Amino acid sequence: MAKVSSDALGTEPIKKLLIQQAVPASIGILVMSLNMIVDTIFLGRWIGPLAISAITVVIPVTFFIGAIGLAIGIGGSSVLSRALGSRDNDKALRVFGNQTTLTFLISGFLALMGLLFQDTLIGFFGADGSFKSYALTYYRIVLYGIVMLSMCMMGNTIIRAEGKPKFAMIAMILPAIGNILMDYILINVLDYGMEGAAWATFTSYAICFGFIFWFFIAKSELRLSFEYFKLKSKIVKEISGLSFVTLARQGTVAILSVLLNNLLINYGDALDVASYGIISRMLMFALFPVIGINQGFMPIAGYNYGAKKYHRVRQSINTSIKYGGMLAICIFIIIMVFPENFVLLFVSNKESLDAETLANNAEILRRTPYALRWVFLATPVIIIQLIGSAYFQSIGKAIPALLLSLSKQGFFLIPLILILPRYIGVLGIWIAFPIADTLSTILTGYFLNREVRRSLKIPKAI
């Protein structure tokens, strides 16, 4: 069996490790989010705002099925990182094999159900008559490739846990470039509209899957034989306990998206859904370095916790919060000062457009910057919430990781968006975001501080 090259996670300086892990992750997330941004720009400029509304209502179901792989990947990677830290390489291989089998079976079943009940689901997710045909076209084609996306999201987390973040970065960059190129060809050149956008997304999934498949055959040191793919109840239970944290969080995000789409239609109209579509893409795009630090933090914390190097775990927490917080403040300032400039990217004022599309674009420009400022209002403090929930997941404490992961969307944001719009309309939905961010940060900060004091005690000699 090849020796797994993850020793550096327990010996190199934490700051250096964080840079090595976070920079590739950040670049990958940046390119992936740019892909989503450009995709939305193409739709908004070449088809119209209702096309943005369409993909916004489709995202919850595709997001949730794709997130099966992310959940199994992150949960299993926590087990895998600690196995590598304690030199149990056989267990690491069994975890990886079981992750692969679970991801394929579960995502495949959900994709089949999603196709069988597509009409019902699209209506449930908030599509009204003005853009339902767009939504169905996009949804149907994208779902054909959703199993590949799920496998990619699982594989990407394993690549990072193995200590090879540059390959994980490439796995995110290649499909993003492919999607942007195919978007241009299929939507702008060949004028295939929503169908072209959907096939471009499908192609990006296939590119990512092809690269990750090649990595595990040619570059990975986790070489699997057939026996490792057989599900073992003990391994499945351990993976599932931690995977459920991510799945519950992603599932809550999907439920939140469904509620937001329906509430925005109820208290506003389809253009408010388009505004949310723009904002949701801006969230991932603007926060890419913060999310990258969070992803870089997890394998470092998990490995050193498994190796019982608790002083390094503490250092990784402090370093991640410090640099993540600095980046979050910079992002906050940019968004507050230049929101209109970002929104302008998504609309076109060409005279060749029909009068209705021009009017819709003008309304998007009026509504969205105002909402964008509200949604990003608590950005400077969110790193505490991200690192806190990631820490508990990294060390294998599933219940606190689950509760803290659900705190923003599940415990605070969903109740707030159900209550506030009754009194102040759509504005209540936007105000709910910073309130939920602040409350979940306070809650997570308290439990993280308590856990560090109790469980990561540093001997006086250190």
Protein backbone atom coordinates (compact mmCIF):
# COMPACT_ATOMS: atom_id res chain seq x y z
CA MET A 1 0.00 0.00 0.00
CA ALA A 2 1.34 3.44 -0.88
CA LYS A 3 2.19 5.73 1.99
CA VAL A 4 -0.31 8.58 2.29
CA SER A 5 1.53 11.89 2.06
CA SER A 6 -0.36 13.96 4.62
CA ASP A 7 2.42 14.29 7.22
CA ALA A 8 2.91 17.98 6.46
CA LEU A 9 -0.48 18.76 8.04
CA GLY A 10 1.02 17.86 11.43
CA THR A 11 4.45 19.45 11.06
CA GLU A 12 4.43 22.55 8.86
CA PRO A 13 3.67 25.99 10.38
CA ILE A 14 -0.08 26.61 10.64
CA LYS A 15 0.03 29.88 8.70
CA LYS A 16 1.91 28.23 5.86
CA LEU A 17 -0.49 25.28 5.83
CA LEU A 18 -3.51 27.56 5.85
CA ILE A 19 -2.15 29.45 2.86
CA GLN A 20 -1.36 26.19 1.05
CA GLN A 21 -4.84 24.82 1.70
CA ALA A 22 -6.92 28.01 1.50
CA VAL A 23 -5.42 29.69 -1.58
CA PRO A 24 -6.16 26.83 -4.00
CA ALA A 25 -9.59 26.35 -2.41
CA SER A 26 -10.26 30.09 -2.72
CA ILE A 27 -9.15 30.17 -6.34
CA GLY A 28 -11.32 27.19 -7.13
CA ILE A 29 -14.33 28.77 -5.42
CA LEU A 30 -13.62 32.07 -7.17
CA VAL A 31 -13.58 30.45 -10.59
CA MET A 32 -16.65 28.37 -9.78
CA SER A 33 -18.53 31.44 -8.53
CA LEU A 34 -17.36 33.45 -11.55
CA ASN A 35 -18.81 30.64 -13.62
CA MET A 36 -22.17 31.10 -11.87
CA ILE A 37 -21.89 34.88 -12.21
CA VAL A 38 -21.07 34.74 -15.93
CA ASP A 39 -23.80 32.14 -16.47
CA THR A 40 -26.31 34.50 -14.87
CA ILE A 41 -24.95 37.50 -16.78
CA PHE A 42 -25.39 35.65 -20.08
CA LEU A 43 -28.94 34.68 -19.17
CA GLY A 44 -29.85 38.17 -17.99
CA ARG A 45 -28.35 39.96 -20.98
CA TRP A 46 -29.19 37.50 -23.77
CA ILE A 47 -32.50 36.04 -22.60
CA GLY A 48 -33.82 38.42 -19.91
CA PRO A 49 -34.47 38.74 -16.15
CA LEU A 50 -37.10 35.99 -16.19
CA ALA A 51 -34.39 33.53 -17.20
CA ILE A 52 -32.58 34.45 -13.96
CA SER A 53 -35.82 33.82 -12.08
CA ALA A 54 -36.03 30.39 -13.75
CA ILE A 55 -32.60 29.15 -12.71
CA THR A 56 -33.15 30.59 -9.22
CA VAL A 57 -36.12 28.29 -8.63
CA VAL A 58 -34.32 25.29 -10.16
CA ILE A 59 -31.21 25.63 -7.98
CA PRO A 60 -32.72 24.23 -4.71
CA VAL A 61 -33.34 20.74 -6.12
CA THR A 62 -30.12 20.49 -8.15
CA PHE A 63 -28.24 22.02 -5.23
CA PHE A 64 -29.62 19.49 -2.77
CA ILE A 65 -28.91 16.43 -4.93
CA GLY A 66 -25.41 17.68 -5.74
CA ALA A 67 -24.91 18.38 -2.05
CA ILE A 68 -25.34 14.66 -1.31
CA GLY A 69 -21.79 14.25 -2.58
CA LEU A 70 -20.60 17.30 -0.66
CA ALA A 71 -22.14 16.00 2.57
CA ILE A 72 -20.74 12.49 2.21
CA GLY A 73 -17.42 13.99 1.13
CA ILE A 74 -17.05 16.40 4.04
CA GLY A 75 -18.37 13.97 6.64
CA GLY A 76 -16.19 11.14 5.37
CA SER A 77 -13.18 13.42 4.98
CA SER A 78 -13.37 14.25 8.66
CA VAL A 79 -13.11 10.51 9.42
CA LEU A 80 -10.45 10.10 6.75
CA SER A 81 -8.30 13.03 7.99
CA ARG A 82 -8.32 11.69 11.55
CA ALA A 83 -7.51 8.19 10.26
CA LEU A 84 -4.54 9.58 8.37
CA GLY A 85 -3.46 11.55 11.44
CA SER A 86 -3.49 8.36 13.53
CA ARG A 87 -1.74 6.33 10.75
CA ASP A 88 -4.73 4.07 10.09
CA ASN A 89 -4.37 3.98 6.29
CA ASP A 90 -6.56 0.90 5.80
CA LYS A 91 -9.48 2.67 7.43
CA ALA A 92 -8.85 5.74 5.25
CA LEU A 93 -9.20 3.59 2.14
CA ARG A 94 -12.36 1.92 3.40
CA VAL A 95 -13.90 5.30 4.17
CA PHE A 96 -13.12 6.56 0.66
CA GLY A 97 -14.56 3.45 -0.99
CA ASN A 98 -17.77 3.62 1.05
CA GLN A 99 -18.12 7.33 0.30
CA THR A 100 -17.99 6.60 -3.42
CA THR A 101 -20.66 3.89 -3.25
CA LEU A 102 -22.99 5.91 -1.03
CA THR A 103 -22.74 9.01 -3.22
CA PHE A 104 -23.51 7.13 -6.42
CA LEU A 105 -26.49 5.21 -5.03
CA ILE A 106 -28.19 8.07 -3.16
CA SER A 107 -27.70 10.80 -5.76
CA GLY A 108 -28.78 8.43 -8.54
CA PHE A 109 -32.02 7.58 -6.75
CA LEU A 110 -32.82 11.24 -6.04
CA ALA A 111 -32.07 12.24 -9.64
CA LEU A 112 -34.51 9.61 -10.89
CA MET A 113 -37.23 10.81 -8.50
CA GLY A 114 -36.54 14.41 -9.53
CA LEU A 115 -37.11 13.58 -13.18
CA LEU A 116 -40.27 11.57 -12.53
CA PHE A 117 -41.92 14.41 -10.56
CA GLN A 118 -40.45 17.40 -12.38
CA ASP A 119 -43.69 19.29 -13.06
CA THR A 120 -44.82 19.10 -9.45
CA LEU A 121 -41.42 20.03 -8.07
CA ILE A 122 -40.93 23.08 -10.29
CA GLY A 123 -44.27 24.51 -9.18
CA PHE A 124 -43.49 23.74 -5.55
CA PHE A 125 -40.14 25.54 -5.81
CA GLY A 126 -41.85 28.79 -6.74
CA ALA A 127 -42.07 28.95 -10.55
CA ASP A 128 -45.13 30.85 -11.76
CA GLY A 129 -46.57 31.00 -15.26
CA SER A 130 -44.31 33.84 -16.37
CA PHE A 131 -41.16 31.71 -16.33
CA LYS A 132 -42.18 28.09 -15.67
CA SER A 133 -41.34 26.91 -19.20
CA TYR A 134 -37.82 28.33 -18.85
CA ALA A 135 -37.43 26.60 -15.50
CA LEU A 136 -38.58 23.18 -16.77
CA THR A 137 -36.25 23.31 -19.76
CA TYR A 138 -33.23 24.07 -17.60
CA TYR A 139 -34.17 21.67 -14.81
CA ARG A 140 -34.70 18.61 -17.02
CA ILE A 141 -31.36 18.76 -18.81
CA VAL A 142 -29.30 19.67 -15.75
CA LEU A 143 -30.75 16.76 -13.80
CA TYR A 144 -29.42 14.34 -16.43
CA GLY A 145 -25.92 15.15 -15.19
CA ILE A 146 -26.53 15.72 -11.50
CA VAL A 147 -25.02 12.38 -10.42
CA MET A 148 -21.72 13.48 -11.99
CA LEU A 149 -21.88 16.72 -9.99
CA SER A 150 -22.53 14.83 -6.77
CA MET A 151 -19.57 12.51 -7.41
CA CYS A 152 -17.38 15.52 -8.18
CA MET A 153 -18.29 17.30 -4.95
CA MET A 154 -17.50 14.17 -2.97
CA GLY A 155 -14.21 13.57 -4.76
CA ASN A 156 -13.07 17.15 -4.36
CA THR A 157 -13.22 16.97 -0.57
CA ILE A 158 -11.18 13.73 -0.61
CA ILE A 159 -8.50 15.38 -2.73
CA ARG A 160 -8.17 18.17 -0.14
CA ALA A 161 -8.15 15.69 2.75
CA GLU A 162 -5.34 13.83 0.99
CA GLY A 163 -3.29 17.04 1.15
CA LYS A 164 -3.40 17.92 -2.58
CA PRO A 165 -5.40 21.17 -2.74
CA LYS A 166 -3.97 22.24 -6.11
CA PHE A 167 -5.67 19.32 -7.83
CA ALA A 168 -8.91 20.19 -6.02
CA MET A 169 -8.55 23.71 -7.36
CA ILE A 170 -8.07 22.46 -10.93
CA ALA A 171 -11.15 20.26 -10.56
CA MET A 172 -13.18 23.42 -9.93
CA ILE A 173 -11.49 25.60 -12.55
CA LEU A 174 -11.75 23.30 -15.58
CA PRO A 175 -15.55 22.86 -15.54
CA ALA A 176 -16.06 26.57 -14.88
CA ILE A 177 -14.04 27.49 -17.97
CA GLY A 178 -15.88 24.84 -19.98
CA ASN A 179 -19.27 26.14 -18.86
CA ILE A 180 -18.46 29.75 -19.72
CA LEU A 181 -17.20 28.75 -23.16
CA MET A 182 -20.22 26.55 -23.88
CA ASP A 183 -22.58 29.26 -22.59
CA TYR A 184 -21.17 31.70 -25.12
CA ILE A 185 -21.39 29.23 -27.98
CA LEU A 186 -24.81 27.76 -27.20
CA ILE A 187 -26.63 30.89 -26.00
CA ASN A 188 -25.04 33.76 -27.92
CA VAL A 189 -23.71 32.15 -31.09
CA LEU A 190 -26.22 29.34 -31.70
CA ASP A 191 -29.14 31.06 -29.94
CA TYR A 192 -30.32 27.95 -28.07
CA GLY A 193 -31.59 30.02 -25.11
CA MET A 194 -32.39 28.18 -21.88
CA GLU A 195 -31.69 24.81 -23.50
CA GLY A 196 -28.21 26.01 -24.42
CA ALA A 197 -27.58 27.21 -20.85
CA ALA A 198 -28.65 23.82 -19.49
CA TRP A 199 -26.43 21.80 -21.85
CA ALA A 200 -23.51 24.08 -21.02
CA THR A 201 -24.01 23.26 -17.33
CA PHE A 202 -24.28 19.54 -18.12
CA THR A 203 -20.99 19.75 -20.03
CA SER A 204 -19.28 21.38 -17.04
CA TYR A 205 -20.36 18.48 -14.81
CA ALA A 206 -18.91 15.99 -17.30
CA ILE A 207 -15.58 17.85 -17.47
CA CYS A 208 -15.26 17.92 -13.68
CA PHE A 209 -16.15 14.24 -13.36
CA GLY A 210 -13.62 13.29 -16.02
CA PHE A 211 -10.80 15.16 -14.28
CA ILE A 212 -11.53 13.74 -10.82
CA PHE A 213 -11.83 10.22 -12.22
CA TRP A 214 -8.41 10.68 -13.84
CA PHE A 215 -6.93 12.00 -10.58
CA PHE A 216 -7.92 8.98 -8.54
CA ILE A 217 -6.59 6.61 -11.19
CA ALA A 218 -3.33 8.42 -11.96
CA LYS A 219 -2.35 10.73 -9.08
CA SER A 220 -4.04 9.72 -5.84
CA GLU A 221 -2.25 7.67 -3.20
CA LEU A 222 -5.62 6.31 -2.04
CA ARG A 223 -5.66 3.36 -4.43
CA LEU A 224 -8.86 1.38 -4.07
CA SER A 225 -9.55 -2.27 -4.82
CA PHE A 226 -13.05 -3.69 -5.23
CA GLU A 227 -13.36 -4.75 -1.58
CA TYR A 228 -13.25 -1.11 -0.41
CA PHE A 229 -16.44 -0.26 -2.33
CA LYS A 230 -18.47 -2.77 -0.32
CA LEU A 231 -20.55 -0.94 2.27
CA LYS A 232 -19.57 -1.69 5.87
CA SER A 233 -22.14 -0.77 8.50
CA LYS A 234 -19.58 0.60 10.96
CA ILE A 235 -17.94 2.81 8.33
CA VAL A 236 -21.29 3.93 6.90
CA LYS A 237 -22.51 4.84 10.38
CA GLU A 238 -19.41 6.89 11.10
CA ILE A 239 -19.59 8.68 7.74
CA SER A 240 -23.34 9.24 8.04
CA GLY A 241 -23.18 10.78 11.50
CA LEU A 242 -20.93 13.57 10.24
CA SER A 243 -22.31 13.74 6.71
CA PHE A 244 -25.72 14.45 8.16
CA VAL A 245 -24.34 17.74 9.48
CA THR A 246 -23.52 19.02 6.00
CA LEU A 247 -26.61 17.43 4.45
CA ALA A 248 -28.87 19.01 7.05
CA ARG A 249 -27.22 22.37 6.44
CA GLN A 250 -27.50 22.04 2.66
CA GLY A 251 -31.03 20.70 2.96
CA THR A 252 -31.95 23.67 5.12
CA VAL A 253 -30.45 25.97 2.48
CA ALA A 254 -32.59 24.25 -0.16
CA ILE A 255 -35.72 24.64 2.00
CA LEU A 256 -34.77 28.26 2.61
CA SER A 257 -34.46 28.84 -1.14
CA VAL A 258 -37.89 27.34 -1.75
CA LEU A 259 -39.43 29.53 0.96
CA LEU A 260 -37.64 32.63 -0.32
CA ASN A 261 -38.81 32.04 -3.89
CA ASN A 262 -42.42 31.56 -2.79
CA LEU A 263 -42.39 34.45 -0.32
CA LEU A 264 -40.81 36.80 -2.87
CA ILE A 265 -43.54 35.88 -5.36
CA ASN A 266 -46.20 36.30 -2.65
CA TYR A 267 -45.02 39.66 -1.28
CA GLY A 268 -43.39 40.88 -4.48
CA ASP A 269 -43.11 39.45 -8.00
CA ALA A 270 -40.87 37.49 -10.37
CA LEU A 271 -38.38 40.38 -10.51
CA ASP A 272 -37.78 40.06 -6.77
CA VAL A 273 -36.92 36.40 -7.41
CA ALA A 274 -34.46 37.61 -10.07
CA SER A 275 -32.96 40.03 -7.54
CA TYR A 276 -32.46 37.18 -5.11
CA GLY A 277 -30.89 35.13 -7.89
CA ILE A 278 -28.31 37.87 -8.44
CA ILE A 279 -27.69 38.28 -4.69
CA SER A 280 -27.24 34.54 -4.10
CA ARG A 281 -24.55 34.44 -6.76
CA MET A 282 -22.89 37.52 -5.33
CA LEU A 283 -22.76 35.86 -1.91
CA MET A 284 -20.59 33.03 -3.16
CA PHE A 285 -18.55 35.27 -5.46
CA ALA A 286 -17.81 37.97 -2.90
CA LEU A 287 -17.12 35.60 -0.02
CA PHE A 288 -14.82 33.23 -1.95
CA PRO A 289 -11.68 33.97 0.14
CA VAL A 290 -13.56 33.53 3.42
CA ILE A 291 -15.07 30.23 2.28
CA GLY A 292 -11.63 29.17 1.05
CA ILE A 293 -10.11 29.77 4.48
CA ASN A 294 -12.91 27.74 6.05
CA GLN A 295 -12.29 24.84 3.68
CA GLY A 296 -8.53 25.09 4.18
CA PHE A 297 -9.01 25.02 7.95
CA MET A 298 -10.89 21.70 8.10
CA PRO A 299 -8.19 19.18 7.06
CA ILE A 300 -5.61 20.98 9.23
CA ALA A 301 -7.81 20.87 12.32
CA GLY A 302 -8.99 17.30 11.68
CA TYR A 303 -5.49 15.89 11.13
CA ASN A 304 -3.93 17.58 14.17
CA TYR A 305 -6.85 16.66 16.40
CA GLY A 306 -6.43 13.03 15.32
CA ALA A 307 -2.70 13.32 16.08
CA LYS A 308 -3.52 14.88 19.50
CA LYS A 309 -1.56 18.03 18.67
CA TYR A 310 -4.09 20.27 20.38
CA HIS A 311 -1.90 23.36 20.45
CA ARG A 312 -1.83 23.26 16.66
CA VAL A 313 -5.61 22.93 16.54
CA ARG A 314 -5.99 26.07 18.67
CA GLN A 315 -3.51 27.90 16.50
CA SER A 316 -5.39 26.89 13.35
CA ILE A 317 -8.65 28.26 14.81
CA ASN A 318 -7.11 31.59 15.80
CA THR A 319 -5.23 32.03 12.54
CA SER A 320 -8.27 31.19 10.41
CA ILE A 321 -10.54 33.61 12.27
CA LYS A 322 -7.93 36.37 12.15
CA TYR A 323 -7.30 36.27 8.41
CA GLY A 324 -10.88 35.37 7.51
CA GLY A 325 -12.15 38.34 9.50
CA MET A 326 -9.76 40.75 7.79
CA LEU A 327 -10.89 39.56 4.37
CA ALA A 328 -14.56 39.75 5.36
CA ILE A 329 -14.19 43.40 6.39
CA CYS A 330 -12.64 44.27 3.01
CA ILE A 331 -15.50 42.52 1.20
CA PHE A 332 -18.05 44.35 3.32
CA ILE A 333 -16.60 47.76 2.41
CA ILE A 334 -16.56 47.01 -1.32
CA ILE A 335 -20.17 45.79 -1.35
CA MET A 336 -21.44 48.76 0.66
CA VAL A 337 -19.74 51.29 -1.61
CA PHE A 338 -20.27 49.75 -5.06
CA PRO A 339 -23.48 47.64 -5.09
CA GLU A 340 -24.84 49.27 -8.28
CA ASN A 341 -21.70 48.39 -10.21
CA PHE A 342 -22.18 44.69 -9.49
CA VAL A 343 -25.86 44.70 -10.45
CA LEU A 344 -25.12 46.48 -13.74
CA LEU A 345 -23.27 43.38 -14.89
CA PHE A 346 -26.48 41.37 -15.03
CA VAL A 347 -28.71 43.62 -17.15
CA SER A 348 -28.58 45.14 -20.60
CA ASN A 349 -30.00 48.44 -21.79
CA LYS A 350 -29.56 47.84 -25.51
CA GLU A 351 -32.20 49.61 -27.57
CA SER A 352 -32.74 46.40 -29.56
CA LEU A 353 -34.45 44.85 -26.53
CA ASP A 354 -38.22 44.94 -26.34
CA ALA A 355 -39.94 47.49 -24.09
CA GLU A 356 -40.96 44.93 -21.46
CA THR A 357 -37.41 43.60 -21.04
CA LEU A 358 -36.01 47.13 -20.80
CA ALA A 359 -38.58 47.99 -18.11
CA ASN A 360 -37.74 44.83 -16.18
CA ASN A 361 -34.03 45.61 -16.36
CA ALA A 362 -34.59 49.12 -15.03
CA GLU A 363 -36.60 47.72 -12.13
CA ILE A 364 -33.85 45.20 -11.33
CA LEU A 365 -31.36 48.08 -11.20
CA ARG A 366 -33.63 49.93 -8.78
CA ARG A 367 -34.35 47.07 -6.39
CA THR A 368 -31.26 44.90 -6.20
CA PRO A 369 -28.50 47.25 -4.88
CA TYR A 370 -30.68 48.18 -1.90
CA ALA A 371 -31.31 44.50 -1.09
CA LEU A 372 -27.64 43.64 -1.64
CA ARG A 373 -26.52 46.07 1.08
CA TRP A 374 -28.94 44.55 3.59
CA VAL A 375 -27.92 40.96 2.87
CA PHE A 376 -24.19 41.74 3.30
CA LEU A 377 -24.59 43.95 6.37
CA ALA A 378 -23.21 41.41 8.87
CA THR A 379 -20.39 40.13 6.64
CA PRO A 380 -17.52 41.20 9.00
CA VAL A 381 -18.51 38.66 11.68
CA ILE A 382 -19.52 35.57 9.69
CA ILE A 383 -16.08 33.91 9.81
CA ILE A 384 -16.66 33.02 13.48
CA GLN A 385 -19.82 31.14 12.57
CA LEU A 386 -18.12 29.33 9.68
CA ILE A 387 -15.00 28.28 11.59
CA GLY A 388 -16.96 27.33 14.70
CA SER A 389 -19.26 24.88 12.95
CA ALA A 390 -16.38 23.57 10.78
CA TYR A 391 -14.28 22.91 13.88
CA PHE A 392 -16.85 20.63 15.52
CA GLN A 393 -17.30 18.76 12.25
CA SER A 394 -13.53 18.37 11.78
CA ILE A 395 -13.06 16.75 15.18
CA GLY A 396 -16.00 14.37 14.77
CA LYS A 397 -18.54 15.97 17.15
CA ALA A 398 -21.61 15.62 14.97
CA ILE A 399 -24.37 16.99 17.21
CA PRO A 400 -22.85 20.39 18.05
CA ALA A 401 -21.64 20.66 14.44
CA LEU A 402 -25.19 20.00 13.24
CA LEU A 403 -26.83 22.48 15.60
CA LEU A 404 -24.35 25.26 14.86
CA SER A 405 -24.50 24.60 11.11
CA LEU A 406 -28.28 24.94 11.23
CA SER A 407 -28.28 27.98 13.48
CA LYS A 408 -28.26 30.68 10.79
CA GLN A 409 -30.67 29.28 8.22
CA GLY A 410 -32.75 26.93 10.33
CA PHE A 411 -33.06 28.53 13.75
CA PHE A 412 -32.98 32.20 12.81
CA LEU A 413 -33.36 33.03 9.11
CA ILE A 414 -36.33 30.83 8.23
CA PRO A 415 -38.47 32.03 11.18
CA LEU A 416 -37.50 35.64 10.44
CA ILE A 417 -38.46 35.51 6.75
CA LEU A 418 -41.78 33.95 7.73
CA ILE A 419 -42.56 36.69 10.27
CA LEU A 420 -41.02 39.99 9.10
CA PRO A 421 -42.60 40.23 5.60
CA ARG A 422 -46.05 40.17 7.18
CA TYR A 423 -45.33 43.60 8.60
CA ILE A 424 -42.86 45.24 6.17
CA GLY A 425 -43.19 43.22 2.97
CA VAL A 426 -40.16 42.24 0.87
CA LEU A 427 -37.92 44.50 2.95
CA GLY A 428 -38.45 42.12 5.87
CA ILE A 429 -36.85 39.31 3.85
CA TRP A 430 -33.69 41.32 3.21
CA ILE A 431 -33.44 42.57 6.81
CA ALA A 432 -33.71 38.99 8.08
CA PHE A 433 -30.28 38.09 6.63
CA PRO A 434 -28.03 40.32 8.80
CA ILE A 435 -30.11 39.61 11.92
CA ALA A 436 -29.69 35.86 11.39
CA ASP A 437 -25.95 36.25 10.70
CA THR A 438 -25.43 38.20 13.90
CA LEU A 439 -27.44 35.87 16.14
CA SER A 440 -25.80 32.71 14.77
CA THR A 441 -22.33 34.25 15.17
CA ILE A 442 -22.99 35.05 18.83
CA LEU A 443 -24.26 31.53 19.46
CA THR A 444 -21.37 29.83 17.64
CA GLY A 445 -18.75 32.06 19.26
CA TYR A 446 -19.99 31.09 22.71
CA PHE A 447 -19.88 27.33 22.09
CA LEU A 448 -16.57 27.45 20.22
CA ASN A 449 -14.89 29.37 23.04
CA ARG A 450 -16.27 26.95 25.64
CA GLU A 451 -15.15 23.90 23.69
CA VAL A 452 -11.63 25.24 23.11
CA ARG A 453 -11.19 25.97 26.83
CA ARG A 454 -12.43 22.52 27.82
CA SER A 455 -10.97 20.21 25.20
CA LEU A 456 -7.88 21.90 23.79
CA LYS A 457 -5.93 22.48 26.95
CA ILE A 458 -2.28 23.16 26.27
CA PRO A 459 0.33 21.72 28.67
CA LYS A 460 2.42 24.36 30.44
CA ALA A 461 5.59 23.02 28.81
CA ILE A 462 4.35 24.02 25.38
